[in-house]
């Protein structure tokens, strides 16, 4: 998952490098391997070999050659270019820890360089690309959020800021989804207090996500099961004010009216403040 312009730039370079490698008598032969004495080659030749391996989707080999440029010519401009390509190669091969390490080295060594923003973006992706499943370790999600926030705040004018914002919102939504998953688990097993605690987190801390309406409905269910009518009515009132067109409003409306209850705020529970803020056109 990389920026469109960055992807076009890198892969355009790969295509050019492939042609140059095939045509250049001084470059590596396609059959060459890592046993070659790389000290006999220029940094440009080794770099081009890395690009060739990357164009062939041999990401481990590509990362090796880029790392050799950095090792053999540490103070050259080619070393700087090779370091960002290491991070990219490792990421393309889903070696996220190594991608993150290379990206962090780039940021540490070249913080003012034009590709520093992309290095930070790759670092964030090294976390983000591992959180596609709700059941996975949420620590990765928190780390992704922190790294994406750095892209947004430190490099707001870069081409990666917009993508970072979108991914930040998705990662934030992911955390809410995890809370919902656990809350539903408790609700199905009639552990109503534990379920309420999870749904409350969504309503209070993740109110901008897509899960808020369902969380409010689940609160209606849980509170009615405990006989806490006022809380159930207030949750329903918030649904009615903010999410009247949603399926969750319809479901809560049926639950409450079936018991002769209205969607209203009695004004004496934790949801009441949220309800009043909603009426004023505000959110937490």
Protein backbone atom coordinates (compact mmCIF):
# COMPACT_ATOMS: atom_id res chain seq x y z
CA UNK A 1 0.00 0.00 0.00
CA UNK A 2 1.97 2.94 -1.22
CA UNK A 3 1.18 6.36 -2.64
CA UNK A 4 0.16 6.39 -6.30
CA UNK A 5 2.80 8.88 -7.38
CA UNK A 6 5.49 7.13 -5.32
CA UNK A 7 4.54 3.81 -6.87
CA UNK A 8 4.67 5.24 -10.36
CA UNK A 9 8.04 6.84 -9.68
CA UNK A 10 9.63 3.71 -8.24
CA UNK A 11 8.26 1.25 -10.78
CA UNK A 12 9.08 3.62 -13.61
CA UNK A 13 12.65 3.57 -12.36
CA UNK A 14 12.52 -0.22 -12.17
CA UNK A 15 11.43 -0.51 -15.78
CA UNK A 16 14.19 1.82 -16.92
CA UNK A 17 16.74 -0.04 -14.80
CA UNK A 18 15.70 -3.37 -16.30
CA UNK A 19 16.30 -2.04 -19.81
CA UNK A 20 19.62 -0.50 -18.85
CA UNK A 21 20.76 -3.68 -17.12
CA UNK A 22 19.92 -5.80 -20.13
CA UNK A 23 21.71 -3.46 -22.50
CA UNK A 24 24.74 -2.48 -20.44
CA UNK A 25 27.88 -4.55 -20.86
CA UNK A 26 29.21 -3.32 -17.50
CA UNK A 27 26.18 -4.33 -15.44
CA UNK A 28 25.30 -7.60 -13.76
CA UNK A 29 24.20 -10.53 -15.83
CA UNK A 30 20.62 -11.71 -14.97
CA UNK A 31 22.02 -15.04 -13.77
CA UNK A 32 24.40 -13.45 -11.24
CA UNK A 33 24.03 -14.37 -7.58
CA UNK A 34 25.13 -13.09 -4.19
CA UNK A 35 28.48 -14.92 -4.33
CA UNK A 36 29.95 -12.32 -6.66
CA UNK A 37 32.70 -10.06 -5.36
CA UNK A 38 30.63 -6.90 -5.24
CA UNK A 39 33.61 -4.70 -4.44
CA UNK A 40 34.55 -4.85 -8.11
CA UNK A 41 31.32 -3.09 -9.11
CA UNK A 42 30.31 0.55 -8.88
CA UNK A 43 27.47 1.58 -6.52
CA UNK A 44 25.34 2.37 -9.57
CA UNK A 45 25.81 -1.14 -10.96
CA UNK A 46 24.92 -2.78 -7.64
CA UNK A 47 21.93 -0.48 -7.28
CA UNK A 48 20.73 -1.38 -10.77
CA UNK A 49 21.05 -5.06 -9.88
CA UNK A 50 18.82 -4.46 -6.87
CA UNK A 51 16.26 -2.78 -9.11
CA UNK A 52 16.44 -5.69 -11.53
CA UNK A 53 15.79 -8.22 -8.74
CA UNK A 54 12.89 -6.11 -7.53
CA UNK A 55 11.40 -6.00 -11.03
CA UNK A 56 11.55 -9.81 -10.99
CA UNK A 57 9.76 -9.84 -7.62
CA UNK A 58 12.80 -11.31 -5.87
CA UNK A 59 12.45 -8.94 -2.96
CA UNK A 60 14.96 -10.64 -0.66
CA UNK A 61 17.66 -10.48 -3.31
CA UNK A 62 16.77 -6.89 -4.10
CA UNK A 63 17.09 -5.91 -0.44
CA UNK A 64 20.45 -7.68 -0.28
CA UNK A 65 21.91 -5.70 -3.18
CA UNK A 66 20.56 -2.41 -1.87
CA UNK A 67 22.08 -3.20 1.52
CA UNK A 68 25.41 -3.91 -0.17
CA UNK A 69 25.38 -0.46 -1.73
CA UNK A 70 24.90 1.00 1.73
CA UNK A 71 27.65 -1.21 3.19
CA UNK A 72 30.26 -0.69 0.50
CA UNK A 73 29.60 2.98 -0.25
CA UNK A 74 28.16 4.31 3.04
CA UNK A 75 28.68 8.03 2.40
CA UNK A 76 27.56 8.17 -1.20
CA UNK A 77 24.31 9.45 -2.62
CA UNK A 78 23.73 5.93 -3.89
CA UNK A 79 23.73 4.68 -0.29
CA UNK A 80 20.94 7.07 0.56
CA UNK A 81 18.90 5.95 -2.43
CA UNK A 82 19.63 2.31 -1.66
CA UNK A 83 18.45 2.65 1.93
CA UNK A 84 14.95 3.82 0.98
CA UNK A 85 14.82 1.05 -1.63
CA UNK A 86 15.78 -1.46 1.07
CA UNK A 87 12.78 -0.36 3.09
CA UNK A 88 10.57 -0.66 0.02
CA UNK A 89 11.94 -4.08 -0.94
CA UNK A 90 11.50 -5.52 2.52
CA UNK A 91 7.96 -4.18 2.65
CA UNK A 92 7.13 -5.63 -0.76
CA UNK A 93 8.35 -8.98 0.56
CA UNK A 94 6.25 -8.56 3.74
CA UNK A 95 9.34 -8.55 5.93
CA UNK A 96 7.85 -5.79 8.03
CA UNK A 97 10.41 -5.63 10.88
CA UNK A 98 13.29 -5.23 8.41
CA UNK A 99 11.32 -2.68 6.37
CA UNK A 100 10.65 -0.72 9.52
CA UNK A 101 14.30 -0.85 10.57
CA UNK A 102 15.51 0.41 7.19
CA UNK A 103 12.89 3.17 7.11
CA UNK A 104 13.84 4.29 10.62
CA UNK A 105 17.52 4.42 9.66
CA UNK A 106 16.62 6.61 6.72
CA UNK A 107 14.67 8.98 8.96
CA UNK A 108 17.53 9.09 11.46
CA UNK A 109 20.23 9.70 8.84
CA UNK A 110 18.33 11.94 6.41
CA UNK A 111 15.52 13.67 8.35
CA UNK A 112 15.42 16.65 6.00
CA UNK A 113 15.56 14.67 2.76
CA UNK A 114 12.62 14.76 0.36
CA UNK A 115 12.08 11.01 0.80
CA UNK A 116 11.95 11.21 4.61
CA UNK A 117 8.16 11.51 4.40
CA UNK A 118 8.00 8.34 2.34
CA UNK A 119 10.29 6.56 4.82
CA UNK A 120 7.92 7.51 7.64
CA UNK A 121 4.97 6.38 5.55
CA UNK A 122 6.64 3.01 4.91
CA UNK A 123 7.32 2.70 8.63
CA UNK A 124 3.63 3.29 9.33
CA UNK A 125 2.64 0.77 6.66
CA UNK A 126 4.86 -1.84 8.30
CA UNK A 127 2.34 -1.80 11.15
CA UNK A 128 -0.81 -0.95 9.21
CA UNK A 129 -0.54 -3.79 6.70
CA UNK A 130 -0.69 -6.32 9.54
CA UNK A 131 -3.97 -5.19 11.10
CA UNK A 132 -6.42 -6.32 8.44
CA UNK A 133 -7.97 -8.92 10.74
CA UNK A 134 -10.03 -7.83 13.74
CA UNK A 135 -8.74 -10.67 15.89
CA UNK A 136 -5.06 -9.77 15.60
CA UNK A 137 -2.93 -8.06 18.23
CA UNK A 138 -4.29 -4.56 18.78
CA UNK A 139 -0.83 -3.35 19.76
CA UNK A 140 -0.05 -3.21 16.05
CA UNK A 141 -3.05 -0.97 15.52
CA UNK A 142 -1.91 1.48 18.20
CA UNK A 143 1.58 1.54 16.70
CA UNK A 144 0.14 2.12 13.23
CA UNK A 145 -1.92 5.02 14.56
CA UNK A 146 1.12 6.62 16.17
CA UNK A 147 3.25 6.24 13.03
CA UNK A 148 0.47 7.51 10.75
CA UNK A 149 -0.07 10.50 13.03
CA UNK A 150 3.62 11.34 12.60
CA UNK A 151 3.18 11.39 8.81
CA UNK A 152 0.17 13.66 9.16
CA UNK A 153 1.73 16.06 11.67
CA UNK A 154 5.38 16.16 10.56
CA UNK A 155 4.79 15.95 6.80
CA UNK A 156 1.36 17.59 6.30
CA UNK A 157 2.23 18.89 2.83
CA UNK A 158 3.65 15.63 1.51
CA UNK A 159 1.91 13.44 -1.03
CA UNK A 160 1.47 10.79 1.68
CA UNK A 161 -0.49 12.91 4.17
CA UNK A 162 -3.89 12.31 2.57
CA UNK A 163 -3.35 8.56 2.39
CA UNK A 164 -2.10 8.58 6.00
CA UNK A 165 -5.28 10.35 7.12
CA UNK A 166 -7.47 7.77 5.39
CA UNK A 167 -5.49 4.89 6.89
CA UNK A 168 -5.56 6.55 10.32
CA UNK A 169 -9.36 6.66 10.18
CA UNK A 170 -9.49 3.00 9.10
CA UNK A 171 -7.12 1.92 11.87
CA UNK A 172 -9.17 3.91 14.39
CA UNK A 173 -12.30 2.19 13.10
CA UNK A 174 -10.49 -1.12 13.50
CA UNK A 175 -10.00 -0.53 17.22
CA UNK A 176 -13.69 0.23 17.60
CA UNK A 177 -14.51 -2.97 15.72
CA UNK A 178 -12.46 -4.94 18.22
CA UNK A 179 -14.34 -3.39 21.13
CA UNK A 180 -17.62 -4.25 19.41
CA UNK A 181 -16.53 -7.83 18.83
CA UNK A 182 -15.73 -8.32 22.52
CA UNK A 183 -18.91 -6.52 23.57
CA UNK A 184 -21.09 -8.77 21.42
CA UNK A 185 -19.31 -11.81 22.86
CA UNK A 186 -20.24 -10.73 26.39
CA UNK A 187 -23.76 -9.78 25.35
CA UNK A 188 -24.44 -13.22 23.82
CA UNK A 189 -23.35 -14.81 27.08
CA UNK A 190 -25.51 -12.45 29.11
CA UNK A 191 -22.54 -10.79 30.79
CA UNK A 192 -24.32 -7.50 30.49
CA UNK A 193 -22.10 -5.30 32.64
CA UNK A 194 -18.97 -6.40 30.79
CA UNK A 195 -20.73 -5.84 27.47
CA UNK A 196 -21.86 -2.36 28.50
CA UNK A 197 -18.31 -1.41 29.41
CA UNK A 198 -17.14 -2.29 25.88
CA UNK A 199 -19.98 -0.50 24.12
CA UNK A 200 -19.46 2.53 26.34
CA UNK A 201 -15.84 2.75 25.17
CA UNK A 202 -17.06 2.88 21.56
CA UNK A 203 -19.61 5.58 22.29
CA UNK A 204 -17.23 7.72 24.34
CA UNK A 205 -13.86 7.15 22.66
CA UNK A 206 -14.68 6.06 19.10
CA UNK A 207 -17.73 8.18 18.39
CA UNK A 208 -16.50 9.18 14.92
CA UNK A 209 -16.32 5.58 13.68
CA UNK A 210 -18.92 3.55 11.82
CA UNK A 211 -19.68 1.47 14.91
CA UNK A 212 -21.31 4.08 17.13
CA UNK A 213 -24.90 3.44 16.03
CA UNK A 214 -24.66 -0.28 16.70
CA UNK A 215 -22.94 0.35 20.03
CA UNK A 216 -25.88 2.53 21.11
CA UNK A 217 -28.35 -0.17 20.05
CA UNK A 218 -26.41 -2.82 21.97
CA UNK A 219 -26.54 -0.56 25.00
CA UNK A 220 -30.32 -0.44 24.64
CA UNK A 221 -30.37 -4.25 24.57
CA UNK A 222 -28.04 -4.65 27.53
CA UNK A 223 -29.69 -2.02 29.71
CA UNK A 224 -33.17 -3.41 29.05
CA UNK A 225 -31.90 -6.86 30.00
CA UNK A 226 -30.71 -5.43 33.31
CA UNK A 227 -33.94 -3.49 33.84
CA UNK A 228 -32.15 -0.14 33.60
CA UNK A 229 -34.87 1.63 31.67
CA UNK A 230 -33.57 5.21 31.88
CA UNK A 231 -30.20 4.31 30.37
CA UNK A 232 -31.89 2.30 27.61
CA UNK A 233 -34.19 5.20 26.76
CA UNK A 234 -31.32 7.70 26.62
CA UNK A 235 -29.28 5.45 24.33
CA UNK A 236 -32.34 5.20 22.11
CA UNK A 237 -32.81 8.97 22.17
CA UNK A 238 -29.24 9.50 20.94
CA UNK A 239 -29.88 6.97 18.17
CA UNK A 240 -33.05 8.81 17.24
CA UNK A 241 -31.29 12.15 17.06
CA UNK A 242 -28.11 11.12 15.24
CA UNK A 243 -28.90 7.88 13.41
CA UNK A 244 -32.62 7.88 12.67
CA UNK A 245 -32.14 6.44 9.20
CA UNK A 246 -30.05 3.50 10.43
CA UNK A 247 -31.17 -0.08 10.97
CA UNK A 248 -29.99 0.19 14.57
CA UNK A 249 -32.47 2.98 15.28
CA UNK A 250 -35.28 0.84 13.90
CA UNK A 251 -34.22 -2.13 16.02
CA UNK A 252 -33.98 -0.05 19.21
CA UNK A 253 -37.30 1.67 18.48
CA UNK A 254 -39.03 -1.72 18.27
CA UNK A 255 -37.42 -2.93 21.49
CA UNK A 256 -38.41 0.15 23.47
CA UNK A 257 -41.92 0.65 22.12
CA UNK A 258 -42.69 -3.04 22.63
CA UNK A 259 -42.29 -2.31 26.35
CA UNK A 260 -44.25 0.90 26.20
CA UNK A 261 -41.12 3.03 26.47
CA UNK A 262 -40.13 6.15 24.57
CA UNK A 263 -36.80 7.29 23.20
CA UNK A 264 -36.15 10.11 25.63
CA UNK A 265 -33.53 11.34 28.06
CA UNK A 266 -34.51 11.26 31.75
CA UNK A 267 -31.34 13.26 32.40
CA UNK A 268 -29.70 11.22 35.15
CA UNK A 269 -27.17 8.83 33.61
CA UNK A 270 -23.79 8.92 31.82
CA UNK A 271 -25.45 8.98 28.41
CA UNK A 272 -27.38 12.15 29.27
CA UNK A 273 -24.37 14.40 28.72
CA UNK A 274 -23.81 12.86 25.30
CA UNK A 275 -27.48 13.39 24.48
CA UNK A 276 -27.37 17.06 25.48
CA UNK A 277 -24.24 17.64 23.46
CA UNK A 278 -25.88 15.99 20.46
CA UNK A 279 -28.89 18.30 20.74
CA UNK A 280 -26.51 21.28 20.71
CA UNK A 281 -24.92 20.01 17.53
CA UNK A 282 -21.76 18.93 19.32
CA UNK A 283 -20.13 15.57 19.90
CA UNK A 284 -17.80 14.54 22.71
